[in-house]
């Protein structure tokens, strides 16, 4: 199938994020379409990766069910069947068959404006913060840790939810409490750590290290109990490393979009891109390599 870059449906409330298009549905539900767009450094690339949206949907659906079965958190998941979308929603540019495998119907929520990030290993912005301060988001870490070292225990390192095109900012737990309330933030921290612990144990049994990941939570109308929304433990929202080749003290091979980031960083280092929109066109080899890594993550995690 051709890549799904964007959608246009006869439904209210259309919103376009970096990867997902969302619409309102009756009965306090929403339609979430995982397109084939890919972003890096908070910029949406102009070249989609055909099939990526279906992979993301399949991986997220697996994890949402994993999380619910283990009673780690309620989630927004209601359906992934495109047949549940009203026939009147479809247009000349977006047909039902275009969305098969790419959609999630979820409970409509107000989004809690804090990214719930959990880190089990020292990489990315956490590694940079550690080098500068010896801490991440106010969490003091032992001296002498190396890049990609496993942390003594997973840590909760929240971030602000920045508008599209801007960078999220790491904040302390206390700052997050001031933003949304201590009781709610404590619940989110505890659920985030519980999900990460069980998911990372499962993934390790399948040969994947989940170095870090981020979650979003929301609250349904009339309920203060937060539920897990958006996506869960995908290569877009996590660092996945092959356990067999893990070596601390250096950057790791990965099953996520780090492959794309490294290509883009080469362009930045050569002065050919400045990490601002619009992003550069992505060569076929980088597209294929990125999709292959997403596919292997899916196969390892979900295959019988």
C-alpha atoms as a PDB file:
ATOM      1  CA  UNK A   1       0.000   0.000   0.000  1.00  0.00           C
ATOM      2  CA  UNK A   2       1.168   3.574  -0.566  1.00  0.00           C
ATOM      3  CA  UNK A   3       2.290   5.473   2.536  1.00  0.00           C
ATOM      4  CA  UNK A   4      -0.378   7.168   4.648  1.00  0.00           C
ATOM      5  CA  UNK A   5       0.976  10.668   5.154  1.00  0.00           C
ATOM      6  CA  UNK A   6      -2.188  12.380   6.373  1.00  0.00           C
ATOM      7  CA  UNK A   7      -5.917  11.820   6.604  1.00  0.00           C
ATOM      8  CA  UNK A   8      -9.020  13.905   5.929  1.00  0.00           C
ATOM      9  CA  UNK A   9     -12.254  12.495   7.330  1.00  0.00           C
ATOM     10  CA  UNK A  10     -15.780  13.847   7.745  1.00  0.00           C
ATOM     11  CA  UNK A  11     -15.429  13.875  11.511  1.00  0.00           C
ATOM     12  CA  UNK A  12     -15.229  16.794  13.939  1.00  0.00           C
ATOM     13  CA  UNK A  13     -12.271  17.872  16.020  1.00  0.00           C
ATOM     14  CA  UNK A  14      -9.460  17.046  13.607  1.00  0.00           C
ATOM     15  CA  UNK A  15      -6.029  17.507  15.177  1.00  0.00           C
ATOM     16  CA  UNK A  16      -2.707  16.636  13.594  1.00  0.00           C
ATOM     17  CA  UNK A  17       0.250  15.724  15.763  1.00  0.00           C
ATOM     18  CA  UNK A  18       3.731  14.746  14.682  1.00  0.00           C
ATOM     19  CA  UNK A  19       2.627  11.198  13.816  1.00  0.00           C
ATOM     20  CA  UNK A  20      -1.077  10.832  14.642  1.00  0.00           C
ATOM     21  CA  UNK A  21      -4.241  12.423  13.263  1.00  0.00           C
ATOM     22  CA  UNK A  22      -7.119  12.424  15.750  1.00  0.00           C
ATOM     23  CA  UNK A  23     -10.863  13.001  15.418  1.00  0.00           C
ATOM     24  CA  UNK A  24     -13.860  13.052  17.731  1.00  0.00           C
ATOM     25  CA  UNK A  25     -16.377  10.198  17.680  1.00  0.00           C
ATOM     26  CA  UNK A  26     -19.781   9.922  19.404  1.00  0.00           C
ATOM     27  CA  UNK A  27     -20.140   8.504  22.921  1.00  0.00           C
ATOM     28  CA  UNK A  28     -17.028  10.197  24.330  1.00  0.00           C
ATOM     29  CA  UNK A  29     -14.678   8.328  22.027  1.00  0.00           C
ATOM     30  CA  UNK A  30     -11.934   9.467  19.707  1.00  0.00           C
ATOM     31  CA  UNK A  31     -10.336   8.076  16.575  1.00  0.00           C
ATOM     32  CA  UNK A  32      -6.545   7.969  16.505  1.00  0.00           C
ATOM     33  CA  UNK A  33      -4.836   7.316  13.170  1.00  0.00           C
ATOM     34  CA  UNK A  34      -1.165   6.333  13.281  1.00  0.00           C
ATOM     35  CA  UNK A  35       0.130   7.679   9.967  1.00  0.00           C
ATOM     36  CA  UNK A  36       3.411   6.823   8.272  1.00  0.00           C
ATOM     37  CA  UNK A  37       4.934  10.178   9.214  1.00  0.00           C
ATOM     38  CA  UNK A  38       8.111  10.089  11.255  1.00  0.00           C
ATOM     39  CA  UNK A  39       9.633  12.845  13.358  1.00  0.00           C
ATOM     40  CA  UNK A  40      13.092  13.388  14.729  1.00  0.00           C
ATOM     41  CA  UNK A  41      14.436  16.237  16.832  1.00  0.00           C
ATOM     42  CA  UNK A  42      10.767  17.326  17.095  1.00  0.00           C
ATOM     43  CA  UNK A  43      10.547  17.945  13.333  1.00  0.00           C
ATOM     44  CA  UNK A  44       8.248  15.942  11.046  1.00  0.00           C
ATOM     45  CA  UNK A  45      10.191  14.599   8.088  1.00  0.00           C
ATOM     46  CA  UNK A  46       8.698  15.220   4.625  1.00  0.00           C
ATOM     47  CA  UNK A  47       9.255  11.571   3.606  1.00  0.00           C
ATOM     48  CA  UNK A  48       6.900   8.976   5.159  1.00  0.00           C
ATOM     49  CA  UNK A  49       7.800   5.343   5.870  1.00  0.00           C
ATOM     50  CA  UNK A  50       5.155   3.099   4.305  1.00  0.00           C
ATOM     51  CA  UNK A  51       3.856   0.588   6.849  1.00  0.00           C
ATOM     52  CA  UNK A  52       5.221   2.334   9.939  1.00  0.00           C
ATOM     53  CA  UNK A  53       1.775   3.364  11.207  1.00  0.00           C
ATOM     54  CA  UNK A  54       0.504  -0.218  11.143  1.00  0.00           C
ATOM     55  CA  UNK A  55       3.575  -1.410  13.034  1.00  0.00           C
ATOM     56  CA  UNK A  56       3.118   1.287  15.689  1.00  0.00           C
ATOM     57  CA  UNK A  57      -0.552   0.410  16.085  1.00  0.00           C
ATOM     58  CA  UNK A  58       0.191  -3.298  16.412  1.00  0.00           C
ATOM     59  CA  UNK A  59       2.919  -2.759  19.000  1.00  0.00           C
ATOM     60  CA  UNK A  60       0.875  -0.272  21.044  1.00  0.00           C
ATOM     61  CA  UNK A  61      -2.188  -2.533  20.993  1.00  0.00           C
ATOM     62  CA  UNK A  62      -0.101  -5.434  22.259  1.00  0.00           C
ATOM     63  CA  UNK A  63       1.240  -3.350  25.142  1.00  0.00           C
ATOM     64  CA  UNK A  64      -2.121  -1.793  26.051  1.00  0.00           C
ATOM     65  CA  UNK A  65      -3.549  -5.300  26.427  1.00  0.00           C
ATOM     66  CA  UNK A  66      -0.443  -6.441  28.338  1.00  0.00           C
ATOM     67  CA  UNK A  67      -0.861  -3.508  30.746  1.00  0.00           C
ATOM     68  CA  UNK A  68      -4.591  -4.076  31.251  1.00  0.00           C
ATOM     69  CA  UNK A  69      -4.258  -7.846  31.737  1.00  0.00           C
ATOM     70  CA  UNK A  70      -1.721  -7.249  34.503  1.00  0.00           C
ATOM     71  CA  UNK A  71      -3.864  -4.471  36.020  1.00  0.00           C
ATOM     72  CA  UNK A  72      -0.995  -2.013  35.859  1.00  0.00           C
ATOM     73  CA  UNK A  73      -3.219   0.811  34.582  1.00  0.00           C
ATOM     74  CA  UNK A  74      -6.511   1.309  32.778  1.00  0.00           C
ATOM     75  CA  UNK A  75      -5.983   2.407  29.163  1.00  0.00           C
ATOM     76  CA  UNK A  76      -7.953   4.261  26.527  1.00  0.00           C
ATOM     77  CA  UNK A  77      -8.106   1.290  24.121  1.00  0.00           C
ATOM     78  CA  UNK A  78     -11.607   0.434  22.892  1.00  0.00           C
ATOM     79  CA  UNK A  79     -11.130  -0.946  19.358  1.00  0.00           C
ATOM     80  CA  UNK A  80      -8.644  -1.219  16.488  1.00  0.00           C
ATOM     81  CA  UNK A  81     -11.243  -2.222  13.892  1.00  0.00           C
ATOM     82  CA  UNK A  82     -11.710   0.218  11.014  1.00  0.00           C
ATOM     83  CA  UNK A  83     -15.203  -1.263  10.551  1.00  0.00           C
ATOM     84  CA  UNK A  84     -16.176   0.628  13.715  1.00  0.00           C
ATOM     85  CA  UNK A  85     -15.680   3.978  11.974  1.00  0.00           C
ATOM     86  CA  UNK A  86     -18.985   5.384  10.628  1.00  0.00           C
ATOM     87  CA  UNK A  87     -19.317   5.059   6.842  1.00  0.00           C
ATOM     88  CA  UNK A  88     -20.154   8.759   6.629  1.00  0.00           C
ATOM     89  CA  UNK A  89     -16.643   9.611   7.840  1.00  0.00           C
ATOM     90  CA  UNK A  90     -14.888   8.558   4.646  1.00  0.00           C
ATOM     91  CA  UNK A  91     -13.994  10.900   1.802  1.00  0.00           C
ATOM     92  CA  UNK A  92     -12.534  10.792  -1.684  1.00  0.00           C
ATOM     93  CA  UNK A  93      -9.058  11.216  -0.205  1.00  0.00           C
ATOM     94  CA  UNK A  94      -9.337   8.857   2.792  1.00  0.00           C
ATOM     95  CA  UNK A  95     -11.206   5.554   2.404  1.00  0.00           C
ATOM     96  CA  UNK A  96     -11.821   2.830   4.961  1.00  0.00           C
ATOM     97  CA  UNK A  97      -9.247   0.516   3.386  1.00  0.00           C
ATOM     98  CA  UNK A  98      -6.600   3.231   3.749  1.00  0.00           C
ATOM     99  CA  UNK A  99      -6.957   2.988   7.533  1.00  0.00           C
ATOM    100  CA  UNK A 100      -6.983  -0.799   8.017  1.00  0.00           C
ATOM    101  CA  UNK A 101      -4.381  -1.570  10.687  1.00  0.00           C
ATOM    102  CA  UNK A 102      -3.631   2.078  11.425  1.00  0.00           C
ATOM    103  CA  UNK A 103      -6.417   3.074  13.801  1.00  0.00           C
ATOM    104  CA  UNK A 104      -7.218   3.014  17.473  1.00  0.00           C
ATOM    105  CA  UNK A 105     -10.592   4.006  18.876  1.00  0.00           C
ATOM    106  CA  UNK A 106     -10.045   5.227  22.401  1.00  0.00           C
ATOM    107  CA  UNK A 107     -11.838   6.878  25.269  1.00  0.00           C
ATOM    108  CA  UNK A 108     -11.897  10.666  24.956  1.00  0.00           C
ATOM    109  CA  UNK A 109      -9.799  12.280  27.689  1.00  0.00           C
ATOM    110  CA  UNK A 110      -8.345  15.533  28.812  1.00  0.00           C
ATOM    111  CA  UNK A 111      -4.583  15.116  28.520  1.00  0.00           C
ATOM    112  CA  UNK A 112      -2.500  15.571  31.665  1.00  0.00           C
ATOM    113  CA  UNK A 113       0.203  18.052  30.584  1.00  0.00           C
ATOM    114  CA  UNK A 114       3.244  16.109  31.817  1.00  0.00           C
ATOM    115  CA  UNK A 115       5.259  13.516  29.877  1.00  0.00           C
ATOM    116  CA  UNK A 116       5.847  10.537  32.155  1.00  0.00           C
ATOM    117  CA  UNK A 117       9.377   9.416  31.329  1.00  0.00           C
ATOM    118  CA  UNK A 118      11.084   6.447  32.951  1.00  0.00           C
ATOM    119  CA  UNK A 119      14.747   5.569  32.503  1.00  0.00           C
ATOM    120  CA  UNK A 120      16.443   2.272  33.272  1.00  0.00           C
ATOM    121  CA  UNK A 121      19.674   3.128  31.451  1.00  0.00           C
ATOM    122  CA  UNK A 122      21.738   6.272  30.995  1.00  0.00           C
ATOM    123  CA  UNK A 123      21.409   7.678  27.480  1.00  0.00           C
ATOM    124  CA  UNK A 124      20.019  10.603  25.495  1.00  0.00           C
ATOM    125  CA  UNK A 125      19.172  13.818  27.309  1.00  0.00           C
ATOM    126  CA  UNK A 126      19.540  11.977  30.619  1.00  0.00           C
ATOM    127  CA  UNK A 127      23.165  11.188  29.809  1.00  0.00           C
ATOM    128  CA  UNK A 128      23.795  14.843  28.909  1.00  0.00           C
ATOM    129  CA  UNK A 129      22.178  16.025  32.152  1.00  0.00           C
ATOM    130  CA  UNK A 130      24.199  13.514  34.160  1.00  0.00           C
ATOM    131  CA  UNK A 131      27.474  14.694  32.617  1.00  0.00           C
ATOM    132  CA  UNK A 132      26.579  18.296  33.449  1.00  0.00           C
ATOM    133  CA  UNK A 133      25.104  17.882  36.945  1.00  0.00           C
ATOM    134  CA  UNK A 134      25.405  14.283  38.153  1.00  0.00           C
ATOM    135  CA  UNK A 135      21.604  14.183  38.257  1.00  0.00           C
ATOM    136  CA  UNK A 136      18.581  13.751  36.001  1.00  0.00           C
ATOM    137  CA  UNK A 137      15.472  15.791  36.781  1.00  0.00           C
ATOM    138  CA  UNK A 138      16.713  16.311  40.318  1.00  0.00           C
ATOM    139  CA  UNK A 139      17.420  12.601  40.884  1.00  0.00           C
ATOM    140  CA  UNK A 140      21.022  12.292  42.119  1.00  0.00           C
ATOM    141  CA  UNK A 141      22.905   9.380  40.563  1.00  0.00           C
ATOM    142  CA  UNK A 142      26.142   7.651  41.632  1.00  0.00           C
ATOM    143  CA  UNK A 143      29.363   9.140  40.270  1.00  0.00           C
ATOM    144  CA  UNK A 144      31.357   7.411  37.575  1.00  0.00           C
ATOM    145  CA  UNK A 145      28.503   6.027  35.476  1.00  0.00           C
ATOM    146  CA  UNK A 146      29.207   5.449  31.799  1.00  0.00           C
ATOM    147  CA  UNK A 147      27.056   6.132  28.746  1.00  0.00           C
ATOM    148  CA  UNK A 148      24.308   3.483  28.533  1.00  0.00           C
ATOM    149  CA  UNK A 149      25.064   2.046  31.975  1.00  0.00           C
ATOM    150  CA  UNK A 150      22.141   0.336  33.679  1.00  0.00           C
ATOM    151  CA  UNK A 151      20.915   2.511  36.531  1.00  0.00           C
ATOM    152  CA  UNK A 152      20.793   1.094  40.068  1.00  0.00           C
ATOM    153  CA  UNK A 153      17.006   1.205  39.711  1.00  0.00           C
ATOM    154  CA  UNK A 154      14.612   2.774  37.195  1.00  0.00           C
ATOM    155  CA  UNK A 155      14.009   6.479  37.769  1.00  0.00           C
ATOM    156  CA  UNK A 156      11.008   8.671  36.980  1.00  0.00           C
ATOM    157  CA  UNK A 157      12.067  11.796  35.091  1.00  0.00           C
ATOM    158  CA  UNK A 158       9.059  13.848  33.959  1.00  0.00           C
ATOM    159  CA  UNK A 159       9.082  16.435  31.187  1.00  0.00           C
ATOM    160  CA  UNK A 160       6.886  19.269  30.052  1.00  0.00           C
ATOM    161  CA  UNK A 161       4.596  18.674  27.075  1.00  0.00           C
ATOM    162  CA  UNK A 162       5.819  21.276  24.617  1.00  0.00           C
ATOM    163  CA  UNK A 163       3.779  22.469  21.616  1.00  0.00           C
ATOM    164  CA  UNK A 164       4.574  20.782  18.307  1.00  0.00           C
ATOM    165  CA  UNK A 165       7.901  21.918  16.898  1.00  0.00           C
ATOM    166  CA  UNK A 166       9.277  22.768  20.338  1.00  0.00           C
ATOM    167  CA  UNK A 167      11.355  20.581  22.613  1.00  0.00           C
ATOM    168  CA  UNK A 168      10.014  19.000  25.792  1.00  0.00           C
ATOM    169  CA  UNK A 169      11.935  20.127  28.864  1.00  0.00           C
ATOM    170  CA  UNK A 170      13.032  17.813  31.661  1.00  0.00           C
ATOM    171  CA  UNK A 171      11.604  18.886  35.024  1.00  0.00           C
ATOM    172  CA  UNK A 172      11.822  17.613  38.576  1.00  0.00           C
ATOM    173  CA  UNK A 173       9.121  15.609  40.305  1.00  0.00           C
ATOM    174  CA  UNK A 174       8.427  18.630  42.518  1.00  0.00           C
ATOM    175  CA  UNK A 175       7.920  20.863  39.488  1.00  0.00           C
ATOM    176  CA  UNK A 176       5.540  18.275  38.019  1.00  0.00           C
ATOM    177  CA  UNK A 177       3.593  18.231  41.288  1.00  0.00           C
ATOM    178  CA  UNK A 178       3.202  21.998  41.136  1.00  0.00           C
ATOM    179  CA  UNK A 179       1.864  21.669  37.587  1.00  0.00           C
ATOM    180  CA  UNK A 180      -0.824  19.002  38.158  1.00  0.00           C
ATOM    181  CA  UNK A 181      -1.001  18.254  41.897  1.00  0.00           C
ATOM    182  CA  UNK A 182       0.994  15.948  44.155  1.00  0.00           C
ATOM    183  CA  UNK A 183      -1.606  13.204  44.540  1.00  0.00           C
ATOM    184  CA  UNK A 184      -2.118  12.845  40.793  1.00  0.00           C
ATOM    185  CA  UNK A 185       1.599  13.055  40.042  1.00  0.00           C
ATOM    186  CA  UNK A 186       2.377  10.390  42.632  1.00  0.00           C
ATOM    187  CA  UNK A 187      -0.159   8.079  40.990  1.00  0.00           C
ATOM    188  CA  UNK A 188       1.365   8.714  37.570  1.00  0.00           C
ATOM    189  CA  UNK A 189       4.882   8.075  38.837  1.00  0.00           C
ATOM    190  CA  UNK A 190       3.903   4.809  40.513  1.00  0.00           C
ATOM    191  CA  UNK A 191       2.006   3.543  37.472  1.00  0.00           C
ATOM    192  CA  UNK A 192       4.793   4.548  35.105  1.00  0.00           C
ATOM    193  CA  UNK A 193       7.417   2.681  37.126  1.00  0.00           C
ATOM    194  CA  UNK A 194       5.181  -0.391  37.516  1.00  0.00           C
ATOM    195  CA  UNK A 195       4.484  -0.567  33.775  1.00  0.00           C
ATOM    196  CA  UNK A 196       8.151  -0.124  32.905  1.00  0.00           C
ATOM    197  CA  UNK A 197       9.288  -2.803  35.346  1.00  0.00           C
ATOM    198  CA  UNK A 198       6.956  -5.488  34.007  1.00  0.00           C
ATOM    199  CA  UNK A 199       7.335  -4.481  30.368  1.00  0.00           C
ATOM    200  CA  UNK A 200      11.131  -4.360  30.521  1.00  0.00           C
ATOM    201  CA  UNK A 201      11.261  -7.801  32.155  1.00  0.00           C
ATOM    202  CA  UNK A 202       9.065  -9.194  29.386  1.00  0.00           C
ATOM    203  CA  UNK A 203      11.050  -7.476  26.631  1.00  0.00           C
ATOM    204  CA  UNK A 204      14.354  -8.712  28.077  1.00  0.00           C
ATOM    205  CA  UNK A 205      13.012 -12.262  27.832  1.00  0.00           C
ATOM    206  CA  UNK A 206      12.547 -11.535  24.102  1.00  0.00           C
ATOM    207  CA  UNK A 207      16.060 -10.176  23.639  1.00  0.00           C
ATOM    208  CA  UNK A 208      15.222  -6.468  23.873  1.00  0.00           C
ATOM    209  CA  UNK A 209      16.396  -3.946  26.458  1.00  0.00           C
ATOM    210  CA  UNK A 210      13.947  -1.086  26.956  1.00  0.00           C
ATOM    211  CA  UNK A 211      16.415   1.605  27.954  1.00  0.00           C
ATOM    212  CA  UNK A 212      13.774   4.269  28.523  1.00  0.00           C
ATOM    213  CA  UNK A 213      10.270   5.160  27.465  1.00  0.00           C
ATOM    214  CA  UNK A 214       7.610   7.805  27.907  1.00  0.00           C
ATOM    215  CA  UNK A 215       3.882   7.636  28.562  1.00  0.00           C
ATOM    216  CA  UNK A 216       0.976  10.044  28.388  1.00  0.00           C
ATOM    217  CA  UNK A 217      -2.031   9.874  30.670  1.00  0.00           C
ATOM    218  CA  UNK A 218      -5.437  11.480  30.524  1.00  0.00           C
ATOM    219  CA  UNK A 219      -8.634  11.744  32.537  1.00  0.00           C
ATOM    220  CA  UNK A 220     -12.069  10.875  31.229  1.00  0.00           C
ATOM    221  CA  UNK A 221     -15.011  13.197  31.736  1.00  0.00           C
ATOM    222  CA  UNK A 222     -16.381  12.683  35.248  1.00  0.00           C
ATOM    223  CA  UNK A 223     -13.382  10.670  36.485  1.00  0.00           C
ATOM    224  CA  UNK A 224     -10.197  11.701  38.234  1.00  0.00           C
ATOM    225  CA  UNK A 225      -8.534   8.288  37.792  1.00  0.00           C
ATOM    226  CA  UNK A 226      -5.844   8.665  35.097  1.00  0.00           C
ATOM    227  CA  UNK A 227      -5.735   6.257  32.170  1.00  0.00           C
ATOM    228  CA  UNK A 228      -2.903   5.495  29.770  1.00  0.00           C
ATOM    229  CA  UNK A 229      -3.431   7.117  26.345  1.00  0.00           C
ATOM    230  CA  UNK A 230      -1.715   7.867  23.027  1.00  0.00           C
ATOM    231  CA  UNK A 231       0.838   5.059  22.477  1.00  0.00           C
ATOM    232  CA  UNK A 232       2.704   2.561  24.617  1.00  0.00           C
ATOM    233  CA  UNK A 233       6.256   1.246  24.402  1.00  0.00           C
ATOM    234  CA  UNK A 234       6.781   1.713  20.680  1.00  0.00           C
ATOM    235  CA  UNK A 235      10.037   2.428  18.820  1.00  0.00           C
ATOM    236  CA  UNK A 236       8.798   6.023  18.489  1.00  0.00           C
ATOM    237  CA  UNK A 237       8.458   6.524  22.245  1.00  0.00           C
ATOM    238  CA  UNK A 238      11.206   4.234  23.573  1.00  0.00           C
ATOM    239  CA  UNK A 239      14.815   3.208  23.174  1.00  0.00           C
ATOM    240  CA  UNK A 240      14.970  -0.485  22.266  1.00  0.00           C
ATOM    241  CA  UNK A 241      18.399  -2.141  22.284  1.00  0.00           C
ATOM    242  CA  UNK A 242      19.296  -5.715  21.297  1.00  0.00           C
ATOM    243  CA  UNK A 243      20.333  -7.420  24.535  1.00  0.00           C
ATOM    244  CA  UNK A 244      22.841  -9.675  22.764  1.00  0.00           C
ATOM    245  CA  UNK A 245      25.048  -6.761  21.678  1.00  0.00           C
ATOM    246  CA  UNK A 246      24.628  -4.496  24.719  1.00  0.00           C
ATOM    247  CA  UNK A 247      27.947  -2.976  25.797  1.00  0.00           C
ATOM    248  CA  UNK A 248      27.921  -0.065  28.283  1.00  0.00           C
ATOM    249  CA  UNK A 249      30.312   2.816  27.758  1.00  0.00           C
ATOM    250  CA  UNK A 250      29.238   3.498  24.173  1.00  0.00           C
ATOM    251  CA  UNK A 251      26.193   4.164  22.018  1.00  0.00           C
ATOM    252  CA  UNK A 252      24.127   1.043  21.334  1.00  0.00           C
ATOM    253  CA  UNK A 253      22.628  -0.588  18.295  1.00  0.00           C
ATOM    254  CA  UNK A 254      18.881  -0.040  18.373  1.00  0.00           C
ATOM    255  CA  UNK A 255      15.449  -1.136  17.141  1.00  0.00           C
ATOM    256  CA  UNK A 256      14.083   2.399  17.189  1.00  0.00           C
ATOM    257  CA  UNK A 257      14.481   5.619  15.217  1.00  0.00           C
ATOM    258  CA  UNK A 258      18.019   6.216  16.478  1.00  0.00           C
ATOM    259  CA  UNK A 259      19.141   4.959  13.050  1.00  0.00           C
ATOM    260  CA  UNK A 260      17.321   7.906  11.467  1.00  0.00           C
ATOM    261  CA  UNK A 261      18.575  10.351  14.110  1.00  0.00           C
ATOM    262  CA  UNK A 262      22.184   9.354  13.404  1.00  0.00           C
ATOM    263  CA  UNK A 263      21.728  10.005   9.684  1.00  0.00           C
ATOM    264  CA  UNK A 264      20.169  13.404  10.417  1.00  0.00           C
ATOM    265  CA  UNK A 265      22.919  14.275  12.884  1.00  0.00           C
ATOM    266  CA  UNK A 266      25.447  13.655  10.101  1.00  0.00           C
ATOM    267  CA  UNK A 267      23.608  16.254   8.017  1.00  0.00           C
ATOM    268  CA  UNK A 268      23.695  18.669  10.945  1.00  0.00           C
ATOM    269  CA  UNK A 269      27.422  18.091  11.466  1.00  0.00           C
ATOM    270  CA  UNK A 270      28.012  18.841   7.764  1.00  0.00           C
ATOM    271  CA  UNK A 271      25.990  22.048   7.977  1.00  0.00           C
ATOM    272  CA  UNK A 272      23.304  20.648   5.658  1.00  0.00           C
ATOM    273  CA  UNK A 273      20.430  20.909   8.166  1.00  0.00           C
ATOM    274  CA  UNK A 274      19.823  22.955  11.322  1.00  0.00           C
ATOM    275  CA  UNK A 275      17.246  20.749  13.145  1.00  0.00           C
ATOM    276  CA  UNK A 276      14.504  23.178  12.157  1.00  0.00           C
ATOM    277  CA  UNK A 277      11.449  22.594   9.957  1.00  0.00           C
ATOM    278  CA  UNK A 278      11.276  21.706   7.176  1.00  0.00           C
ATOM    279  CA  UNK A 279      13.179  18.481   7.580  1.00  0.00           C
ATOM    280  CA  UNK A 280      15.288  17.030   4.763  1.00  0.00           C
ATOM    281  CA  UNK A 281      14.063  14.356   2.363  1.00  0.00           C
ATOM    282  CA  UNK A 282      15.074  10.911   3.624  1.00  0.00           C
ATOM    283  CA  UNK A 283      16.883   8.508   1.242  1.00  0.00           C
ATOM    284  CA  UNK A 284      15.341   5.109   0.513  1.00  0.00           C
ATOM    285  CA  UNK A 285      18.119   3.250   2.320  1.00  0.00           C
ATOM    286  CA  UNK A 286      17.469   5.119   5.559  1.00  0.00           C
ATOM    287  CA  UNK A 287      13.715   4.560   5.213  1.00  0.00           C
ATOM    288  CA  UNK A 288      14.201   0.825   4.646  1.00  0.00           C
ATOM    289  CA  UNK A 289      16.687   0.556   7.509  1.00  0.00           C
ATOM    290  CA  UNK A 290      14.365   2.342   9.920  1.00  0.00           C
ATOM    291  CA  UNK A 291      11.374   0.195   8.943  1.00  0.00           C
ATOM    292  CA  UNK A 292      13.454  -2.977   9.293  1.00  0.00           C
ATOM    293  CA  UNK A 293      14.327  -2.034  12.870  1.00  0.00           C
ATOM    294  CA  UNK A 294      10.685  -1.330  13.747  1.00  0.00           C
ATOM    295  CA  UNK A 295       9.673  -4.631  12.167  1.00  0.00           C
ATOM    296  CA  UNK A 296      12.251  -6.608  14.115  1.00  0.00           C
ATOM    297  CA  UNK A 297      11.092  -5.000  17.369  1.00  0.00           C
ATOM    298  CA  UNK A 298       7.521  -6.034  16.552  1.00  0.00           C
ATOM    299  CA  UNK A 299       8.539  -9.565  15.633  1.00  0.00           C
ATOM    300  CA  UNK A 300      10.603 -10.087  18.775  1.00  0.00           C
ATOM    301  CA  UNK A 301       7.986  -8.695  21.114  1.00  0.00           C
ATOM    302  CA  UNK A 302       4.820 -10.186  19.652  1.00  0.00           C
ATOM    303  CA  UNK A 303       5.750 -13.409  17.852  1.00  0.00           C
ATOM    304  CA  UNK A 304       4.626 -16.639  19.520  1.00  0.00           C
END
